[in-house]
Amino acid sequence: MDWAKERKSQCSLIIKDGALTMKTEHAHYYQVAMQIFVTERQWCDYFIWSPTGDYFLQR
C-alpha cells in the first residue's frame, strides 16, 4: 500500500475502508469498462505491479 500512497496523484488506486480499490474517476476505470463492453466479457483482471514486489489485483 505504501507505493500507492507515494504515487497518489498518478495512481489509479485509492485506499477505501482500509483496502486498495480502483478509482472510479480514473481514466483506466473507463478504459477497462469499455474493453469489457466491446469484447462482451463479464469481467477482467486489473493488475498493477510495483518495483518493490507489491501488486494489486481486482477482478
PDB file of N, CA and C in Angstrom:
ATOM      1  N   MET A   1       0.810  -1.197   0.000  1.00  0.00           N
ATOM      2  CA  MET A   1       0.000   0.000   0.000  1.00  0.00           C
ATOM      3  C   MET A   1       0.850   1.255   0.000  1.00  0.00           C
ATOM      4  N   ASP A   2       2.074   1.169   0.501  1.00  0.00           N
ATOM      5  CA  ASP A   2       2.930   2.351   0.559  1.00  0.00           C
ATOM      6  C   ASP A   2       3.196   2.923  -0.824  1.00  0.00           C
ATOM      7  N   TRP A   3       3.403   2.059  -1.818  1.00  0.00           N
ATOM      8  CA  TRP A   3       3.674   2.545  -3.163  1.00  0.00           C
ATOM      9  C   TRP A   3       2.477   3.288  -3.734  1.00  0.00           C
ATOM     10  N   ALA A   4       1.274   2.911  -3.363  1.00  0.00           N
ATOM     11  CA  ALA A   4       0.076   3.626  -3.822  1.00  0.00           C
ATOM     12  C   ALA A   4      -0.010   4.996  -3.157  1.00  0.00           C
ATOM     13  N   LYS A   5       0.367   5.065  -1.894  1.00  0.00           N
ATOM     14  CA  LYS A   5       0.355   6.344  -1.177  1.00  0.00           C
ATOM     15  C   LYS A   5       1.390   7.300  -1.749  1.00  0.00           C
ATOM     16  N   GLU A   6       2.579   6.780  -2.086  1.00  0.00           N
ATOM     17  CA  GLU A   6       3.666   7.611  -2.599  1.00  0.00           C
ATOM     18  C   GLU A   6       3.333   8.212  -3.959  1.00  0.00           C
ATOM     19  N   ARG A   7       2.577   7.521  -4.758  1.00  0.00           N
ATOM     20  CA  ARG A   7       2.229   7.981  -6.103  1.00  0.00           C
ATOM     21  C   ARG A   7       0.743   8.327  -6.193  1.00  0.00           C
ATOM     22  N   LYS A   8       0.262   8.926  -5.157  1.00  0.00           N
ATOM     23  CA  LYS A   8      -1.166   9.202  -5.014  1.00  0.00           C
ATOM     24  C   LYS A   8      -1.760   9.913  -6.229  1.00  0.00           C
ATOM     25  N   SER A   9      -1.083  10.932  -6.745  1.00  0.00           N
ATOM     26  CA  SER A   9      -1.637  11.698  -7.858  1.00  0.00           C
ATOM     27  C   SER A   9      -1.598  10.926  -9.172  1.00  0.00           C
ATOM     28  N   GLN A  10      -0.665   9.983  -9.323  1.00  0.00           N
ATOM     29  CA  GLN A  10      -0.526   9.224 -10.560  1.00  0.00           C
ATOM     30  C   GLN A  10      -1.260   7.889 -10.515  1.00  0.00           C
ATOM     31  N   CYS A  11      -1.546   7.432  -9.364  1.00  0.00           N
ATOM     32  CA  CYS A  11      -2.052   6.075  -9.178  1.00  0.00           C
ATOM     33  C   CYS A  11      -3.539   5.967  -9.508  1.00  0.00           C
ATOM     34  N   SER A  12      -3.915   4.851 -10.091  1.00  0.00           N
ATOM     35  CA  SER A  12      -5.322   4.605 -10.407  1.00  0.00           C
ATOM     36  C   SER A  12      -6.038   3.909  -9.253  1.00  0.00           C
ATOM     37  N   LEU A  13      -5.359   3.840  -8.099  1.00  0.00           N
ATOM     38  CA  LEU A  13      -5.929   3.178  -6.930  1.00  0.00           C
ATOM     39  C   LEU A  13      -6.189   4.176  -5.819  1.00  0.00           C
ATOM     40  N   ILE A  14      -7.093   3.806  -4.940  1.00  0.00           N
ATOM     41  CA  ILE A  14      -7.410   4.612  -3.768  1.00  0.00           C
ATOM     42  C   ILE A  14      -7.579   3.663  -2.583  1.00  0.00           C
ATOM     43  N   ILE A  15      -7.243   4.137  -1.405  1.00  0.00           N
ATOM     44  CA  ILE A  15      -7.466   3.334  -0.203  1.00  0.00           C
ATOM     45  C   ILE A  15      -8.838   3.706   0.340  1.00  0.00           C
ATOM     46  N   LYS A  16      -9.732   2.730   0.356  1.00  0.00           N
ATOM     47  CA  LYS A  16     -11.110   2.944   0.801  1.00  0.00           C
ATOM     48  C   LYS A  16     -11.442   1.895   1.847  1.00  0.00           C
ATOM     49  N   ASP A  17     -11.851   2.336   3.006  1.00  0.00           N
ATOM     50  CA  ASP A  17     -12.165   1.428   4.113  1.00  0.00           C
ATOM     51  C   ASP A  17     -10.996   0.497   4.430  1.00  0.00           C
ATOM     52  N   GLY A  18      -9.770   1.024   4.312  1.00  0.00           N
ATOM     53  CA  GLY A  18      -8.579   0.265   4.653  1.00  0.00           C
ATOM     54  C   GLY A  18      -8.093  -0.700   3.591  1.00  0.00           C
ATOM     55  N   ALA A  19      -8.729  -0.695   2.420  1.00  0.00           N
ATOM     56  CA  ALA A  19      -8.331  -1.611   1.351  1.00  0.00           C
ATOM     57  C   ALA A  19      -8.117  -0.841   0.052  1.00  0.00           C
ATOM     58  N   LEU A  20      -7.182  -1.321  -0.771  1.00  0.00           N
ATOM     59  CA  LEU A  20      -6.972  -0.709  -2.075  1.00  0.00           C
ATOM     60  C   LEU A  20      -8.109  -1.077  -3.008  1.00  0.00           C
ATOM     61  N   THR A  21      -8.543  -0.122  -3.802  1.00  0.00           N
ATOM     62  CA  THR A  21      -9.555  -0.365  -4.818  1.00  0.00           C
ATOM     63  C   THR A  21      -9.309   0.592  -5.977  1.00  0.00           C
ATOM     64  N   MET A  22      -9.865   0.308  -7.117  1.00  0.00           N
ATOM     65  CA  MET A  22      -9.684   1.136  -8.302  1.00  0.00           C
ATOM     66  C   MET A  22     -10.491   2.422  -8.182  1.00  0.00           C
ATOM     67  N   LYS A  23      -9.871   3.567  -8.545  1.00  0.00           N
ATOM     68  CA  LYS A  23     -10.580   4.847  -8.545  1.00  0.00           C
ATOM     69  C   LYS A  23     -11.584   4.844  -9.696  1.00  0.00           C
ATOM     70  N   THR A  24     -12.834   5.074  -9.394  1.00  0.00           N
ATOM     71  CA  THR A  24     -13.851   5.064 -10.452  1.00  0.00           C
ATOM     72  C   THR A  24     -13.802   6.316 -11.313  1.00  0.00           C
ATOM     73  N   GLU A  25     -13.091   7.357 -10.869  1.00  0.00           N
ATOM     74  CA  GLU A  25     -12.976   8.564 -11.681  1.00  0.00           C
ATOM     75  C   GLU A  25     -11.692   8.589 -12.520  1.00  0.00           C
ATOM     76  N   HIS A  26     -10.870   7.552 -12.427  1.00  0.00           N
ATOM     77  CA  HIS A  26      -9.620   7.484 -13.181  1.00  0.00           C
ATOM     78  C   HIS A  26      -9.890   6.993 -14.606  1.00  0.00           C
ATOM     79  N   ALA A  27      -9.089   7.452 -15.559  1.00  0.00           N
ATOM     80  CA  ALA A  27      -9.258   7.073 -16.968  1.00  0.00           C
ATOM     81  C   ALA A  27      -9.164   5.564 -17.176  1.00  0.00           C
ATOM     82  N   HIS A  28      -8.340   4.878 -16.388  1.00  0.00           N
ATOM     83  CA  HIS A  28      -8.215   3.421 -16.539  1.00  0.00           C
ATOM     84  C   HIS A  28      -9.538   2.712 -16.248  1.00  0.00           C
ATOM     85  N   TYR A  29     -10.309   3.241 -15.326  1.00  0.00           N
ATOM     86  CA  TYR A  29     -11.600   2.633 -14.991  1.00  0.00           C
ATOM     87  C   TYR A  29     -12.499   2.596 -16.231  1.00  0.00           C
ATOM     88  N   TYR A  30     -12.562   3.720 -16.935  1.00  0.00           N
ATOM     89  CA  TYR A  30     -13.405   3.799 -18.131  1.00  0.00           C
ATOM     90  C   TYR A  30     -12.835   2.966 -19.270  1.00  0.00           C
ATOM     91  N   GLN A  31     -11.515   2.894 -19.369  1.00  0.00           N
ATOM     92  CA  GLN A  31     -10.883   2.075 -20.387  1.00  0.00           C
ATOM     93  C   GLN A  31     -11.222   0.599 -20.169  1.00  0.00           C
ATOM     94  N   VAL A  32     -11.116   0.138 -18.947  1.00  0.00           N
ATOM     95  CA  VAL A  32     -11.442  -1.251 -18.622  1.00  0.00           C
ATOM     96  C   VAL A  32     -12.919  -1.531 -18.885  1.00  0.00           C
ATOM     97  N   ALA A  33     -13.781  -0.610 -18.471  1.00  0.00           N
ATOM     98  CA  ALA A  33     -15.224  -0.791 -18.691  1.00  0.00           C
ATOM     99  C   ALA A  33     -15.538  -0.904 -20.181  1.00  0.00           C
ATOM    100  N   MET A  34     -14.908  -0.068 -21.007  1.00  0.00           N
ATOM    101  CA  MET A  34     -15.147  -0.116 -22.451  1.00  0.00           C
ATOM    102  C   MET A  34     -14.615  -1.407 -23.054  1.00  0.00           C
ATOM    103  N   GLN A  35     -13.451  -1.851 -22.608  1.00  0.00           N
ATOM    104  CA  GLN A  35     -12.895  -3.100 -23.131  1.00  0.00           C
ATOM    105  C   GLN A  35     -13.776  -4.295 -22.772  1.00  0.00           C
ATOM    106  N   ILE A  36     -14.343  -4.292 -21.581  1.00  0.00           N
ATOM    107  CA  ILE A  36     -15.266  -5.359 -21.190  1.00  0.00           C
ATOM    108  C   ILE A  36     -16.498  -5.329 -22.091  1.00  0.00           C
ATOM    109  N   PHE A  37     -17.018  -4.143 -22.350  1.00  0.00           N
ATOM    110  CA  PHE A  37     -18.206  -3.996 -23.192  1.00  0.00           C
ATOM    111  C   PHE A  37     -17.926  -4.439 -24.631  1.00  0.00           C
ATOM    112  N   VAL A  38     -16.838  -3.947 -25.215  1.00  0.00           N
ATOM    113  CA  VAL A  38     -16.521  -4.231 -26.613  1.00  0.00           C
ATOM    114  C   VAL A  38     -16.248  -5.714 -26.833  1.00  0.00           C
ATOM    115  N   THR A  39     -15.583  -6.351 -25.889  1.00  0.00           N
ATOM    116  CA  THR A  39     -15.249  -7.768 -26.043  1.00  0.00           C
ATOM    117  C   THR A  39     -16.334  -8.699 -25.504  1.00  0.00           C
ATOM    118  N   GLU A  40     -17.414  -8.096 -25.012  1.00  0.00           N
ATOM    119  CA  GLU A  40     -18.563  -8.845 -24.486  1.00  0.00           C
ATOM    120  C   GLU A  40     -18.162  -9.817 -23.371  1.00  0.00           C
ATOM    121  N   ARG A  41     -17.268  -9.364 -22.521  1.00  0.00           N
ATOM    122  CA  ARG A  41     -16.839 -10.167 -21.373  1.00  0.00           C
ATOM    123  C   ARG A  41     -17.663  -9.804 -20.152  1.00  0.00           C
ATOM    124  N   GLN A  42     -17.649 -10.669 -19.164  1.00  0.00           N
ATOM    125  CA  GLN A  42     -18.349 -10.423 -17.909  1.00  0.00           C
ATOM    126  C   GLN A  42     -17.437  -9.760 -16.882  1.00  0.00           C
ATOM    127  N   TRP A  43     -16.128  -9.956 -17.017  1.00  0.00           N
ATOM    128  CA  TRP A  43     -15.168  -9.418 -16.060  1.00  0.00           C
ATOM    129  C   TRP A  43     -13.780  -9.385 -16.691  1.00  0.00           C
ATOM    130  N   CYS A  44     -12.841  -8.750 -15.998  1.00  0.00           N
ATOM    131  CA  CYS A  44     -11.429  -8.795 -16.380  1.00  0.00           C
ATOM    132  C   CYS A  44     -10.591  -8.721 -15.107  1.00  0.00           C
ATOM    133  N   ASP A  45      -9.323  -9.023 -15.234  1.00  0.00           N
ATOM    134  CA  ASP A  45      -8.390  -8.859 -14.124  1.00  0.00           C
ATOM    135  C   ASP A  45      -7.640  -7.555 -14.331  1.00  0.00           C
ATOM    136  N   TYR A  46      -7.720  -6.657 -13.357  1.00  0.00           N
ATOM    137  CA  TYR A  46      -6.966  -5.401 -13.376  1.00  0.00           C
ATOM    138  C   TYR A  46      -5.781  -5.610 -12.448  1.00  0.00           C
ATOM    139  N   PHE A  47      -4.585  -5.635 -13.023  1.00  0.00           N
ATOM    140  CA  PHE A  47      -3.382  -5.992 -12.276  1.00  0.00           C
ATOM    141  C   PHE A  47      -2.372  -4.859 -12.341  1.00  0.00           C
ATOM    142  N   ILE A  48      -1.842  -4.463 -11.187  1.00  0.00           N
ATOM    143  CA  ILE A  48      -0.783  -3.460 -11.102  1.00  0.00           C
ATOM    144  C   ILE A  48       0.362  -4.073 -10.310  1.00  0.00           C
ATOM    145  N   TRP A  49       1.569  -3.950 -10.851  1.00  0.00           N
ATOM    146  CA  TRP A  49       2.779  -4.439 -10.199  1.00  0.00           C
ATOM    147  C   TRP A  49       3.676  -3.253  -9.883  1.00  0.00           C
ATOM    148  N   SER A  50       4.404  -3.305  -8.779  1.00  0.00           N
ATOM    149  CA  SER A  50       5.355  -2.244  -8.444  1.00  0.00           C
ATOM    150  C   SER A  50       6.758  -2.831  -8.340  1.00  0.00           C
ATOM    151  N   PRO A  51       7.783  -2.008  -8.542  1.00  0.00           N
ATOM    152  CA  PRO A  51       9.165  -2.482  -8.447  1.00  0.00           C
ATOM    153  C   PRO A  51       9.530  -3.033  -7.064  1.00  0.00           C
ATOM    154  N   THR A  52       8.775  -2.698  -6.043  1.00  0.00           N
ATOM    155  CA  THR A  52       9.057  -3.218  -4.702  1.00  0.00           C
ATOM    156  C   THR A  52       8.535  -4.638  -4.518  1.00  0.00           C
ATOM    157  N   GLY A  53       7.852  -5.164  -5.541  1.00  0.00           N
ATOM    158  CA  GLY A  53       7.314  -6.515  -5.455  1.00  0.00           C
ATOM    159  C   GLY A  53       5.864  -6.559  -5.020  1.00  0.00           C
ATOM    160  N   ASP A  54       5.316  -5.409  -4.656  1.00  0.00           N
ATOM    161  CA  ASP A  54       3.900  -5.352  -4.300  1.00  0.00           C
ATOM    162  C   ASP A  54       3.056  -5.439  -5.567  1.00  0.00           C
ATOM    163  N   TYR A  55       1.853  -5.900  -5.414  1.00  0.00           N
ATOM    164  CA  TYR A  55       0.945  -5.914  -6.553  1.00  0.00           C
ATOM    165  C   TYR A  55      -0.486  -5.722  -6.086  1.00  0.00           C
ATOM    166  N   PHE A  56      -1.343  -5.398  -7.033  1.00  0.00           N
ATOM    167  CA  PHE A  56      -2.768  -5.213  -6.778  1.00  0.00           C
ATOM    168  C   PHE A  56      -3.510  -5.956  -7.869  1.00  0.00           C
ATOM    169  N   LEU A  57      -4.512  -6.721  -7.493  1.00  0.00           N
ATOM    170  CA  LEU A  57      -5.347  -7.443  -8.449  1.00  0.00           C
ATOM    171  C   LEU A  57      -6.799  -7.240  -8.061  1.00  0.00           C
ATOM    172  N   GLN A  58      -7.580  -6.779  -9.027  1.00  0.00           N
ATOM    173  CA  GLN A  58      -9.023  -6.639  -8.801  1.00  0.00           C
ATOM    174  C   GLN A  58      -9.734  -7.306  -9.956  1.00  0.00           C
ATOM    175  N   ARG A  59     -10.690  -8.147  -9.654  1.00  0.00           N
ATOM    176  CA  ARG A  59     -11.460  -8.841 -10.686  1.00  0.00           C
ATOM    177  C   ARG A  59     -12.831  -8.228 -10.756  1.00  0.00           C
TER     178      ARG A  59
END
